[in-house]
Structure formats: C-alpha cells, structure tokens
Amino acid sequence: MEKPAELVLIPSPGIGHLVSTLEIAKLLVSRDDKLFITVLIMHFPAVSKGTDAYVQSLADSSSPISQRINFINLPHTNMDHTEGSVRNSLVGFVESQQPHVKDAVANLRDSKTTRLAGFVVDMFCTTMINVANQLGVPSYVFFTSGAATLGLLFHLQELRDQYNKDCTEFKDSDAELIIPSFFNPLPAKVLPGRMLVKDSAEPFLNVIKRFRETKGILVNTFTDLESHALHALSSDAEIPPVYPVGPLLNLNSNESRVDSDEVKKKNDILKWLDDQPPLSVVFLCFGSMGSFDESQVREIANALEHAGHRFLWSLRRSPPTGKVAFPSDYDDHTGVLPEGFLDRTGGIGKVIGWAPQVAVLAHPSVGGFVSHCGWNSTLESLWHGVPVATWPLYAEQQLNAFQPVKELELAVEIDMSYRSKSPVLVSAKEIERGIREVMELDSSDIRKRVKEMSEKGKKALMDGGSSYTSLGHFIDQI
C-alpha cells in the first residue's frame, strides 16, 4: 500500500506571501485526506514580527485539516536592519537557509509514514529548487501575484536571454510595450520598479528563469479574471503548466489568537461602520508596508474634506529613515493632519491606525476602496464586490493597478504610475477626483462588473469551478 504524499511548502518571509501560502496548504489538505503538508518558516528579522503570531494561530488549531499541516521553524538569523543591507540581502538570506531546509526535509524523509512528493516554493525562494534536486524530488512554484504579471516577467526574461534586451532601458520611458499576457499595450511607467534598476532586475530575472525548471506553477488567480493572460501562458511551450487556483484569501482569521488590543480596535471600527448608511464609506488603506510622508498626508486629508464623503482612513507612521520595518500606528494623529481636520470631519470620518482590512471590506457600509493594489488586496476587494480607486506604491502594484483600470474596467484611477518615495506629490485635487469617481458609481457599469466578477471568483472555488478543477489536476500530478 502506497504511503500518503507529503508536500513541503516554502513561503518567503513576509505576511502577504505567508497568508496565501497557508491558504493553499489548507485548500490542498481539504481536497485530499491522504495528503500531508509541512510548511518551513524562515525568520527574516525585518519582517518576522507579524508572521509569528499568525503561524502560531494555525499551529494551535484543532481542526482536522490543520492536523495535517505541520510547521517547522527554521533557525533564527541575526542580520543588519539597515535599509540597504536588507533590501539587497533578502535573496542572500533565502539562499543561506538551504542547509536548514535540507536538514529539516532529511528528518521528514526518515519518517516511515509519508512519501515526500515534492517542494512548492514561493516565487522568491527558487534557490530551494537546488535542495529538491539534491533530494531527487520535483519542484513547483507558488506565484502569489497574478497571471498577467507572471507573463510579463517571463517575457522580460526571454527578451534578456534570447534577444539581449535590457528592460532597465525603459526607466523614465514613455514607451508602450506589447506583452503577450496583456491585451492592451503596457506603458513602461507601470513596470515593477525592481525591473528598472540593474542591481535588482538581473537577480530577479534569474529567479524567473528558474521557474522554467519546475514541473508547474500555481497562481493565485482564476480563469474569469485573467483568461487572456492564462491563455498566453498555456500557449507557450517553454513555460511549465500553470494552475490557476485562486482566489486564495484568509477570510476567517482566528480572533481568539490575535492580540487583544487589535480585537478591541477591530470592534471599535466595526461599531462605527455599523452606524453608517450602506455603501456610504470610502475606505483608505495601503497595506502592511504602505505609508506616506506628512506633506502627502495633508493632501489626502484635504481631498477627503473637500470630497465630503464618509471615510475610514488607515493612517500609519513611516519607519525611521534608513531602517526597514513595518509602518506603525501614531500615538496621536493630530500632529500630521491639517489643523482642525479631525474636528471638522468628526461627523463623517474616522482616522485609525491598523485596519482589519477583510472585515472592513466585507461591511455593507463600505462603498469604495482607495488601495495600494497589492494582489491580495485586489482579490479581497473583488471578493467583497467593492470597487477600487488605484494608488500603487511599490513592487508589482503599478501592474495590478493597470490591469483592473485598463484591461478589465473594474476600477478607477487616482494614479497608476506613482511609486513610494517619489518626490512628486499626488495632489488633493487628483485624490478628490478618484474618491468621487469610486463613490459615485451607482449608475456605472463598473460597480456592476465588480459584483459580477465577485460571483465568478466564488464560483471558481466551488466543485466544478475553474480553480477547483485546476487544483484537482495539480493533485493528480503529485
């Protein structure tokens, strides 16, 4: 009798990638009761604080599904927290974990109860393919962004390696690029920032090149959302099979395991929302790493005051200059806001720090979302049928803004090409226009299309749905 299969999942450090990785772990074991999963947790000092409690909440769960998900904490590593060293050393940090991963998996292989079926590595952990090769097991990639972005990265890597084209030449360019995974020409100004700087573009394209060595790529998307991109990927014989398995979202966090102060804040926020009319509140939230300097904060405040819509604003303090850390909550917002702002808007608005984003988006009083367009946030807003006004900050978020605005007509634009730490301010006038557009969509086809896409995303995960079927093909493969 064949032993049950065991998959090793290796997420990169950071809560955004960890959440979606653990969601696919839960989905996999729920689909096959003979499948076991071990998740290897790396502790990158700059970003591990938010991940430890989340992992512990799942490890402590008594559900039958969670009992088949095992967590192994890899050894902690002390590193310099200065901005330059951390930015340049994340890839090096992951590489340094190879011996720890090999030791952990060697112990698993000594088990007489399961059969090691392969590695599923995060998009930033392709160095672990080396370990899988040494152990003689197949590797798969879990890509936590969308299929259109995956297609762009493959295209840029192919241009470099086969045609000697350098994507960093597009920095500050007004060119429009023809990319197979995008229906419309793609402005160079929305390319991921790391692809426009030699020091980061080269190693990242090397990471993408390694995707081609794997037996398949799991993508957090669904067919109805990205049919064009998925068709482009599947039509390329040089790209491994792509499995759209999303939307993978953490919609049911275990509040009893969350910090009690956060539970109190969440209850206070939801109570305030309960008192607002349906679809009347615009929610502003910019992700776990999103923050602005004081001059930009004042522009946002002026826009909210002039727009006159009810608002819930997650306003967070930027980390100290030269340090990599998460933004933190202000002790008092008064010092960074225009004088008298809180008094003048007290009847219609609420300024908060940390925000329980999923719970807020799920609330019926929320009618629009000013977002940084992280891929998880994009999927969460679609799941709950909330239209977005796009304001990307970093990583691939400019692409994530372009796609719903120009490709899918599911969002409105505040600024698609803005980048964090840009010296250019987004003016109060631009922000106000975006807020008005997203909040006054009652007669627009956009709100209707967002609702329709929400239903399609939910159906994709149901028995017979596109993502359900795709995940089944992946399980058959392993």
Protein backbone atom coordinates (compact mmCIF):
# COMPACT_ATOMS: atom_id res chain seq x y z
CA MET A 1 0.00 0.00 0.00
CA GLU A 2 1.42 3.38 -1.07
CA LYS A 3 2.31 5.87 1.65
CA PRO A 4 0.38 9.16 1.81
CA ALA A 5 2.08 12.01 -0.06
CA GLU A 6 3.76 14.87 1.77
CA LEU A 7 4.44 18.25 0.17
CA VAL A 8 6.96 20.73 1.56
CA LEU A 9 5.81 24.35 1.19
CA ILE A 10 8.42 27.11 1.47
CA PRO A 11 6.96 30.63 1.69
CA SER A 12 9.21 33.67 1.57
CA PRO A 13 9.32 35.88 4.68
CA GLY A 14 6.54 38.46 4.97
CA ILE A 15 2.89 38.21 5.96
CA GLY A 16 1.46 38.78 2.46
CA HIS A 17 3.19 35.76 0.92
CA LEU A 18 2.73 33.65 4.04
CA VAL A 19 -1.05 34.13 4.20
CA SER A 20 -1.71 32.97 0.64
CA THR A 21 0.75 30.07 1.02
CA LEU A 22 -1.06 28.82 4.10
CA GLU A 23 -4.41 29.24 2.37
CA ILE A 24 -3.28 26.92 -0.41
CA ALA A 25 -1.97 24.49 2.19
CA LYS A 26 -5.42 24.38 3.81
CA LEU A 27 -7.10 24.01 0.43
CA LEU A 28 -4.85 21.13 -0.61
CA VAL A 29 -5.38 19.06 2.53
CA SER A 30 -9.13 19.73 2.44
CA ARG A 31 -9.27 18.24 -1.06
CA ASP A 32 -7.30 15.05 -0.37
CA ASP A 33 -7.34 13.31 3.02
CA LYS A 34 -4.21 11.34 2.07
CA LEU A 35 -2.12 14.48 1.60
CA PHE A 36 0.11 15.95 4.31
CA ILE A 37 1.92 19.27 4.21
CA THR A 38 4.94 20.64 6.03
CA VAL A 39 5.49 24.41 5.93
CA LEU A 40 9.03 25.64 6.54
CA ILE A 41 9.05 29.08 8.21
CA MET A 42 12.02 31.37 7.64
CA HIS A 43 12.59 34.17 10.14
CA PHE A 44 13.87 37.22 8.28
CA PRO A 45 14.47 39.73 11.10
CA ALA A 46 12.96 42.80 9.41
CA VAL A 47 9.57 41.19 8.76
CA SER A 48 9.12 38.27 11.14
CA LYS A 49 7.21 40.03 13.93
CA GLY A 50 3.85 39.95 12.16
CA THR A 51 4.21 36.37 10.93
CA ASP A 52 4.94 34.53 14.18
CA ALA A 53 1.51 35.09 15.77
CA TYR A 54 -0.27 34.16 12.56
CA VAL A 55 1.62 30.88 12.21
CA GLN A 56 1.04 30.10 15.89
CA SER A 57 -2.72 30.60 15.50
CA LEU A 58 -2.80 27.94 12.79
CA ALA A 59 -0.40 25.60 14.56
CA ASP A 60 -2.64 25.71 17.64
CA SER A 61 -5.81 24.94 15.67
CA SER A 62 -7.59 21.72 16.49
CA SER A 63 -9.41 21.36 13.15
CA PRO A 64 -8.90 18.05 11.31
CA ILE A 65 -7.46 19.91 8.33
CA SER A 66 -4.86 21.75 10.42
CA GLN A 67 -3.78 18.47 11.97
CA ARG A 68 -2.31 17.51 8.59
CA ILE A 69 -0.34 20.75 8.25
CA ASN A 70 2.95 20.69 10.11
CA PHE A 71 5.11 23.77 10.77
CA ILE A 72 8.87 23.72 11.14
CA ASN A 73 10.57 26.92 12.28
CA LEU A 74 13.98 27.26 10.69
CA PRO A 75 16.76 28.72 12.89
CA HIS A 76 16.65 32.46 13.54
CA THR A 77 19.39 34.51 11.88
CA ASN A 78 20.73 37.82 13.13
CA MET A 79 21.08 40.42 10.38
CA ASP A 80 21.74 44.13 9.98
CA HIS A 81 18.45 46.03 9.70
CA THR A 82 19.68 48.98 7.69
CA GLU A 83 17.72 49.65 4.55
CA GLY A 84 20.43 48.96 2.01
CA SER A 85 21.61 45.71 3.55
CA VAL A 86 18.12 44.22 3.95
CA ARG A 87 16.91 45.27 0.52
CA ASN A 88 19.92 43.71 -1.11
CA SER A 89 20.14 40.65 1.07
CA LEU A 90 16.68 39.06 1.06
CA VAL A 91 17.72 36.77 -1.79
CA GLY A 92 21.00 36.10 0.03
CA PHE A 93 19.11 35.37 3.24
CA VAL A 94 16.89 32.82 1.48
CA GLU A 95 19.96 31.21 -0.08
CA SER A 96 21.56 30.96 3.36
CA GLN A 97 18.60 28.87 4.50
CA GLN A 98 19.35 25.99 2.11
CA PRO A 99 21.29 23.89 4.66
CA HIS A 100 18.49 24.37 7.22
CA VAL A 101 15.88 23.35 4.66
CA LYS A 102 17.89 20.29 3.67
CA ASP A 103 18.27 19.23 7.31
CA ALA A 104 14.57 19.71 8.03
CA VAL A 105 13.49 17.74 4.97
CA ALA A 106 16.04 15.00 5.66
CA ASN A 107 14.35 14.46 9.02
CA LEU A 108 10.98 14.27 7.25
CA ARG A 109 12.29 11.63 4.85
CA ASP A 110 13.27 9.47 7.79
CA SER A 111 9.56 9.22 8.58
CA LYS A 112 8.05 5.85 7.76
CA THR A 113 4.53 7.25 7.44
CA THR A 114 4.63 9.57 4.39
CA ARG A 115 6.25 9.81 0.96
CA LEU A 116 7.97 13.09 0.03
CA ALA A 117 6.12 14.18 -3.13
CA GLY A 118 7.88 17.46 -3.85
CA PHE A 119 8.54 21.08 -2.96
CA VAL A 120 6.19 24.02 -3.56
CA VAL A 121 8.43 27.08 -3.32
CA ASP A 122 7.43 30.72 -3.12
CA MET A 123 8.28 32.86 -6.15
CA PHE A 124 11.21 34.37 -4.20
CA CYS A 125 12.52 31.02 -2.95
CA THR A 126 13.60 29.36 -6.19
CA THR A 127 17.04 28.71 -4.70
CA MET A 128 15.32 25.85 -2.85
CA ILE A 129 14.94 24.07 -6.18
CA ASN A 130 18.59 23.13 -5.60
CA VAL A 131 17.63 21.27 -2.43
CA ALA A 132 14.75 19.49 -4.17
CA ASN A 133 17.10 18.43 -6.95
CA GLN A 134 19.62 17.08 -4.42
CA LEU A 135 16.83 15.07 -2.81
CA GLY A 136 15.52 13.84 -6.15
CA VAL A 137 12.00 15.28 -5.83
CA PRO A 138 10.10 17.63 -8.18
CA SER A 139 9.63 21.34 -7.59
CA TYR A 140 6.65 23.60 -8.20
CA VAL A 141 6.41 27.39 -7.82
CA PHE A 142 3.65 29.21 -5.98
CA PHE A 143 3.27 32.63 -7.63
CA THR A 144 1.47 34.98 -5.25
CA SER A 145 0.70 37.66 -7.85
CA GLY A 146 -1.45 37.45 -10.96
CA ALA A 147 -1.06 35.59 -14.24
CA ALA A 148 -0.59 38.76 -16.31
CA THR A 149 2.38 39.74 -14.11
CA LEU A 150 3.81 36.22 -14.42
CA GLY A 151 3.56 36.51 -18.20
CA LEU A 152 5.30 39.88 -18.19
CA LEU A 153 8.20 38.54 -16.11
CA PHE A 154 8.66 35.54 -18.40
CA HIS A 155 8.59 37.89 -21.39
CA LEU A 156 11.25 40.23 -19.94
CA GLN A 157 13.44 37.25 -19.02
CA GLU A 158 13.10 35.84 -22.54
CA LEU A 159 13.97 39.23 -24.08
CA ARG A 160 17.12 39.37 -21.98
CA ASP A 161 18.32 35.82 -22.53
CA GLN A 162 17.35 35.27 -26.16
CA TYR A 163 17.49 38.78 -27.65
CA ASN A 164 19.90 40.59 -25.30
CA LYS A 165 17.29 43.26 -24.50
CA ASP A 166 17.74 45.18 -21.24
CA CYS A 167 14.46 46.09 -19.52
CA THR A 168 16.17 48.75 -17.39
CA GLU A 169 16.39 50.90 -20.54
CA PHE A 170 12.68 51.60 -20.06
CA LYS A 171 13.28 53.65 -16.91
CA ASP A 172 11.64 57.09 -17.32
CA SER A 173 10.43 55.99 -20.77
CA ASP A 174 7.06 56.85 -22.31
CA ALA A 175 7.19 53.73 -24.46
CA GLU A 176 4.32 51.25 -24.64
CA LEU A 177 5.20 47.57 -24.72
CA ILE A 178 3.43 44.68 -26.43
CA ILE A 179 3.29 41.89 -23.83
CA PRO A 180 1.51 38.61 -24.68
CA SER A 181 -0.19 38.35 -21.25
CA PHE A 182 -1.73 41.84 -21.55
CA PHE A 183 -4.48 42.67 -24.00
CA ASN A 184 -3.57 46.37 -24.23
CA PRO A 185 -0.14 47.95 -24.84
CA LEU A 186 1.60 48.28 -21.46
CA PRO A 187 3.11 51.66 -20.54
CA ALA A 188 6.74 51.29 -19.42
CA LYS A 189 5.94 53.58 -16.48
CA VAL A 190 3.92 50.79 -14.80
CA LEU A 191 6.70 48.18 -14.95
CA PRO A 192 7.72 46.89 -11.50
CA GLY A 193 10.33 49.20 -10.00
CA ARG A 194 12.83 46.38 -9.48
CA MET A 195 12.82 45.75 -13.25
CA LEU A 196 14.09 49.28 -13.95
CA VAL A 197 17.26 49.08 -11.83
CA LYS A 198 20.18 46.87 -12.91
CA ASP A 199 21.13 45.76 -9.40
CA SER A 200 17.67 44.32 -8.80
CA ALA A 201 16.49 43.44 -12.33
CA GLU A 202 19.29 40.98 -13.08
CA PRO A 203 18.94 38.77 -9.98
CA PHE A 204 15.14 38.87 -10.22
CA LEU A 205 15.15 37.77 -13.86
CA ASN A 206 17.46 34.93 -12.80
CA VAL A 207 14.79 33.94 -10.27
CA ILE A 208 12.14 33.96 -13.01
CA LYS A 209 14.37 31.89 -15.30
CA ARG A 210 14.41 29.15 -12.68
CA PHE A 211 10.61 28.91 -12.85
CA ARG A 212 11.17 27.13 -16.17
CA GLU A 213 12.95 24.27 -14.37
CA THR A 214 9.89 23.34 -12.34
CA LYS A 215 7.05 20.91 -13.08
CA GLY A 216 4.35 23.54 -12.69
CA ILE A 217 3.34 26.97 -11.39
CA LEU A 218 0.43 27.55 -9.03
CA VAL A 219 -1.02 31.06 -9.44
CA ASN A 220 -3.34 32.91 -7.07
CA THR A 221 -5.89 33.87 -9.71
CA PHE A 222 -8.93 32.47 -11.51
CA THR A 223 -9.81 31.96 -15.14
CA ASP A 224 -12.63 34.50 -15.46
CA LEU A 225 -10.41 37.25 -14.07
CA GLU A 226 -7.34 36.58 -16.23
CA SER A 227 -8.46 34.44 -19.16
CA HIS A 228 -6.27 36.32 -21.67
CA ALA A 229 -3.10 36.02 -19.56
CA LEU A 230 -3.71 32.36 -18.74
CA HIS A 231 -4.25 31.55 -22.42
CA ALA A 232 -1.00 33.34 -23.31
CA LEU A 233 0.91 31.34 -20.69
CA SER A 234 -0.57 27.99 -21.70
CA SER A 235 0.21 28.71 -25.36
CA ASP A 236 3.94 28.99 -24.65
CA ALA A 237 5.52 25.53 -24.81
CA GLU A 238 8.61 26.80 -22.94
CA ILE A 239 6.58 27.61 -19.80
CA PRO A 240 5.66 24.82 -17.34
CA PRO A 241 1.97 24.05 -16.77
CA VAL A 242 0.17 26.88 -14.97
CA TYR A 243 -2.51 26.07 -12.40
CA PRO A 244 -4.87 28.97 -11.53
CA VAL A 245 -6.05 28.05 -8.01
CA GLY A 246 -7.40 31.32 -6.58
CA PRO A 247 -8.72 33.48 -5.19
CA LEU A 248 -6.83 32.32 -2.09
CA LEU A 249 -7.82 34.63 0.77
CA ASN A 250 -7.72 34.47 4.55
CA LEU A 251 -11.35 35.41 5.20
CA ASN A 252 -11.75 33.73 8.61
CA SER A 253 -8.92 34.80 10.88
CA ASN A 254 -8.97 33.26 14.35
CA GLU A 255 -9.63 36.32 16.50
CA SER A 256 -9.04 34.50 19.75
CA ARG A 257 -5.38 34.18 18.77
CA VAL A 258 -4.99 37.82 17.70
CA ASP A 259 -3.55 40.45 20.02
CA SER A 260 -6.35 41.60 22.37
CA ASP A 261 -5.61 45.24 21.60
CA GLU A 262 -6.22 44.56 17.90
CA VAL A 263 -9.52 42.83 18.71
CA LYS A 264 -10.60 45.93 20.65
CA LYS A 265 -9.61 48.20 17.76
CA LYS A 266 -11.45 45.99 15.29
CA ASN A 267 -14.63 46.01 17.36
CA ASP A 268 -14.47 49.80 17.65
CA ILE A 269 -14.04 50.17 13.87
CA LEU A 270 -16.89 47.80 13.03
CA LYS A 271 -19.18 49.53 15.54
CA TRP A 272 -18.51 52.86 13.80
CA LEU A 273 -19.23 51.28 10.41
CA ASP A 274 -22.49 49.83 11.77
CA ASP A 275 -23.72 53.40 12.25
CA GLN A 276 -23.06 54.44 8.63
CA PRO A 277 -25.53 54.06 5.71
CA PRO A 278 -24.96 51.30 3.12
CA LEU A 279 -22.23 51.97 0.52
CA SER A 280 -21.53 55.40 2.04
CA VAL A 281 -17.95 54.98 3.33
CA VAL A 282 -14.74 55.21 1.33
CA PHE A 283 -12.01 53.09 2.94
CA LEU A 284 -8.37 54.17 2.55
CA CYS A 285 -5.76 51.53 3.36
CA PHE A 286 -2.32 50.96 1.85
CA GLY A 287 -1.20 47.54 3.04
CA SER A 288 1.22 46.29 5.65
CA MET A 289 4.11 48.31 4.20
CA GLY A 290 2.21 51.39 2.98
CA SER A 291 2.77 54.85 4.47
CA PHE A 292 3.29 58.45 3.35
CA ASP A 293 5.29 61.47 4.44
CA GLU A 294 3.49 64.35 6.15
CA SER A 295 3.12 66.51 3.03
CA GLN A 296 1.30 63.69 1.21
CA VAL A 297 -0.81 63.00 4.30
CA ARG A 298 -2.04 66.61 4.21
CA GLU A 299 -3.01 66.26 0.54
CA ILE A 300 -5.07 63.17 1.38
CA ALA A 301 -6.73 64.98 4.29
CA ASN A 302 -7.64 67.97 2.13
CA ALA A 303 -9.06 65.66 -0.54
CA LEU A 304 -11.25 63.84 1.97
CA GLU A 305 -12.53 67.08 3.46
CA HIS A 306 -13.40 68.56 0.06
CA ALA A 307 -14.94 65.35 -1.30
CA GLY A 308 -17.37 65.28 1.61
CA HIS A 309 -17.90 61.51 1.59
CA ARG A 310 -17.84 59.45 4.78
CA PHE A 311 -14.43 57.89 5.22
CA LEU A 312 -12.40 55.39 7.19
CA TRP A 313 -8.69 56.15 6.83
CA SER A 314 -5.90 53.82 7.95
CA LEU A 315 -3.11 56.34 8.53
CA ARG A 316 0.23 54.92 9.62
CA ARG A 317 3.63 56.34 10.51
CA SER A 318 6.53 55.63 8.14
CA PRO A 319 9.50 53.67 9.56
CA PRO A 320 12.58 55.70 10.53
CA THR A 321 14.73 56.74 7.58
CA GLY A 322 17.35 54.13 6.75
CA LYS A 323 15.55 51.29 8.51
CA VAL A 324 13.42 48.52 7.02
CA ALA A 325 10.42 47.87 9.23
CA PHE A 326 6.66 47.90 9.04
CA PRO A 327 4.83 51.21 9.40
CA SER A 328 3.49 51.73 12.91
CA ASP A 329 0.46 53.40 14.47
CA TYR A 330 0.65 57.03 15.56
CA ASP A 331 0.10 57.76 19.24
CA ASP A 332 -1.75 60.90 18.11
CA HIS A 333 -2.74 61.76 14.52
CA THR A 334 -3.18 65.45 15.28
CA GLY A 335 0.41 66.43 14.56
CA VAL A 336 0.44 65.16 10.95
CA LEU A 337 -3.04 66.31 9.90
CA PRO A 338 -4.11 69.84 8.93
CA GLU A 339 -5.07 71.94 11.94
CA GLY A 340 -8.70 71.32 12.90
CA PHE A 341 -9.17 68.48 10.39
CA LEU A 342 -10.38 65.95 12.96
CA ASP A 343 -12.86 68.46 14.41
CA ARG A 344 -14.23 69.46 11.01
CA THR A 345 -14.64 65.88 9.75
CA GLY A 346 -15.59 64.20 13.03
CA GLY A 347 -19.20 63.76 11.89
CA ILE A 348 -18.35 61.89 8.70
CA GLY A 349 -14.93 60.34 9.13
CA LYS A 350 -12.74 58.18 11.30
CA VAL A 351 -8.93 58.15 11.24
CA ILE A 352 -7.42 54.91 12.53
CA GLY A 353 -4.08 53.11 12.58
CA TRP A 354 -4.01 49.37 11.88
CA ALA A 355 -7.10 48.22 9.98
CA PRO A 356 -8.80 44.78 9.83
CA GLN A 357 -8.98 45.09 6.06
CA VAL A 358 -11.01 41.99 5.19
CA ALA A 359 -13.64 42.74 7.86
CA VAL A 360 -13.92 46.34 6.67
CA LEU A 361 -14.30 45.38 3.00
CA ALA A 362 -16.98 42.87 4.00
CA HIS A 363 -19.04 45.55 5.78
CA PRO A 364 -22.14 46.76 3.89
CA SER A 365 -21.45 50.42 4.65
CA VAL A 366 -18.24 50.40 2.58
CA GLY A 367 -18.79 51.60 -0.97
CA GLY A 368 -15.26 52.24 -2.25
CA PHE A 369 -11.65 51.39 -1.52
CA VAL A 370 -8.59 53.60 -2.08
CA SER A 371 -5.92 50.91 -2.30
CA HIS A 372 -2.22 50.35 -2.94
CA CYS A 373 -3.26 47.46 -5.20
CA GLY A 374 -1.30 44.67 -3.57
CA TRP A 375 -2.51 41.46 -5.24
CA ASN A 376 -4.09 40.11 -2.05
CA SER A 377 -5.94 43.41 -1.57
CA THR A 378 -7.07 43.36 -5.21
CA LEU A 379 -8.55 39.88 -4.76
CA GLU A 380 -10.12 40.78 -1.41
CA SER A 381 -11.85 43.85 -2.87
CA LEU A 382 -13.20 41.80 -5.77
CA TRP A 383 -14.38 39.02 -3.45
CA HIS A 384 -16.44 41.53 -1.47
CA GLY A 385 -17.60 43.46 -4.54
CA VAL A 386 -16.00 46.77 -3.53
CA PRO A 387 -14.73 48.99 -6.40
CA VAL A 388 -11.18 50.33 -6.09
CA ALA A 389 -9.54 53.68 -6.72
CA THR A 390 -5.97 52.69 -7.54
CA TRP A 391 -2.91 54.20 -5.87
CA PRO A 392 0.00 51.75 -6.18
CA LEU A 393 3.17 52.21 -4.14
CA TYR A 394 5.80 49.52 -4.77
CA ALA A 395 6.61 46.02 -6.13
CA GLU A 396 4.25 44.99 -8.95
CA GLN A 397 1.40 47.18 -7.71
CA GLN A 398 1.53 49.51 -10.74
CA LEU A 399 0.74 46.48 -12.92
CA ASN A 400 -2.02 45.48 -10.50
CA ALA A 401 -3.49 48.97 -10.95
CA PHE A 402 -3.21 48.99 -14.75
CA GLN A 403 -4.98 45.67 -15.10
CA PRO A 404 -8.34 46.43 -13.41
CA VAL A 405 -8.45 50.01 -14.75
CA LYS A 406 -7.42 49.48 -18.39
CA GLU A 407 -7.72 45.75 -19.09
CA LEU A 408 -10.83 44.80 -17.12
CA GLU A 409 -12.65 48.10 -16.42
CA LEU A 410 -13.15 47.07 -12.79
CA ALA A 411 -11.56 50.10 -11.09
CA VAL A 412 -10.95 53.85 -11.35
CA GLU A 413 -7.57 55.55 -11.28
CA ILE A 414 -6.06 58.00 -8.84
CA ASP A 415 -2.53 57.45 -10.12
CA MET A 416 -1.30 54.24 -11.79
CA SER A 417 2.40 55.10 -12.04
CA TYR A 418 3.03 56.56 -8.56
CA ARG A 419 5.92 54.95 -6.65
CA SER A 420 6.62 55.18 -2.93
CA LYS A 421 9.38 57.64 -2.01
CA SER A 422 8.63 59.55 -5.21
CA PRO A 423 9.39 63.28 -4.84
CA VAL A 424 6.16 64.03 -6.73
CA LEU A 425 3.05 64.59 -4.63
CA VAL A 426 -0.33 63.27 -5.68
CA SER A 427 -2.41 66.40 -5.34
CA ALA A 428 -5.53 66.76 -3.24
CA LYS A 429 -7.42 67.53 -6.46
CA GLU A 430 -6.38 64.19 -8.05
CA ILE A 431 -7.23 62.26 -4.89
CA GLU A 432 -10.59 64.00 -4.54
CA ARG A 433 -11.44 63.18 -8.17
CA GLY A 434 -10.63 59.49 -7.58
CA ILE A 435 -12.68 59.38 -4.36
CA ARG A 436 -15.67 60.99 -6.06
CA GLU A 437 -15.42 58.61 -9.01
CA VAL A 438 -15.26 55.44 -6.92
CA MET A 439 -18.04 56.58 -4.55
CA GLU A 440 -20.41 57.84 -7.25
CA LEU A 441 -20.54 54.67 -9.35
CA ASP A 442 -24.18 53.85 -8.58
CA SER A 443 -25.21 54.25 -12.21
CA SER A 444 -21.90 52.99 -13.58
CA ASP A 445 -21.21 49.65 -15.19
CA ILE A 446 -18.03 49.37 -13.07
CA ARG A 447 -19.85 48.56 -9.82
CA LYS A 448 -21.99 46.05 -11.71
CA ARG A 449 -18.94 44.40 -13.28
CA VAL A 450 -17.19 44.21 -9.89
CA LYS A 451 -20.21 42.43 -8.41
CA GLU A 452 -20.30 40.00 -11.34
CA MET A 453 -16.57 39.27 -11.02
CA SER A 454 -17.07 38.71 -7.29
CA GLU A 455 -19.58 35.97 -8.03
CA LYS A 456 -17.30 34.42 -10.66
CA GLY A 457 -14.42 34.31 -8.18
CA LYS A 458 -16.54 32.48 -5.62
CA LYS A 459 -17.82 30.01 -8.21
CA ALA A 460 -14.25 29.28 -9.33
CA LEU A 461 -13.55 27.64 -5.95
CA MET A 462 -16.73 25.56 -5.89
CA ASP A 463 -16.94 21.94 -7.02
CA GLY A 464 -16.77 22.08 -10.80
CA GLY A 465 -15.37 25.62 -10.85
CA SER A 466 -12.25 26.50 -12.83
CA SER A 467 -9.89 26.80 -9.84
CA TYR A 468 -11.38 23.72 -8.16
CA THR A 469 -10.72 21.73 -11.33
CA SER A 470 -7.23 23.17 -11.78
CA LEU A 471 -6.24 22.27 -8.21
CA GLY A 472 -7.51 18.75 -8.88
CA HIS A 473 -5.19 18.49 -11.88
CA PHE A 474 -2.28 19.59 -9.68
CA ILE A 475 -3.12 16.98 -7.01
CA ASP A 476 -3.27 14.32 -9.73
CA GLN A 477 0.18 15.44 -10.88
CA ILE A 478 1.77 14.99 -7.45
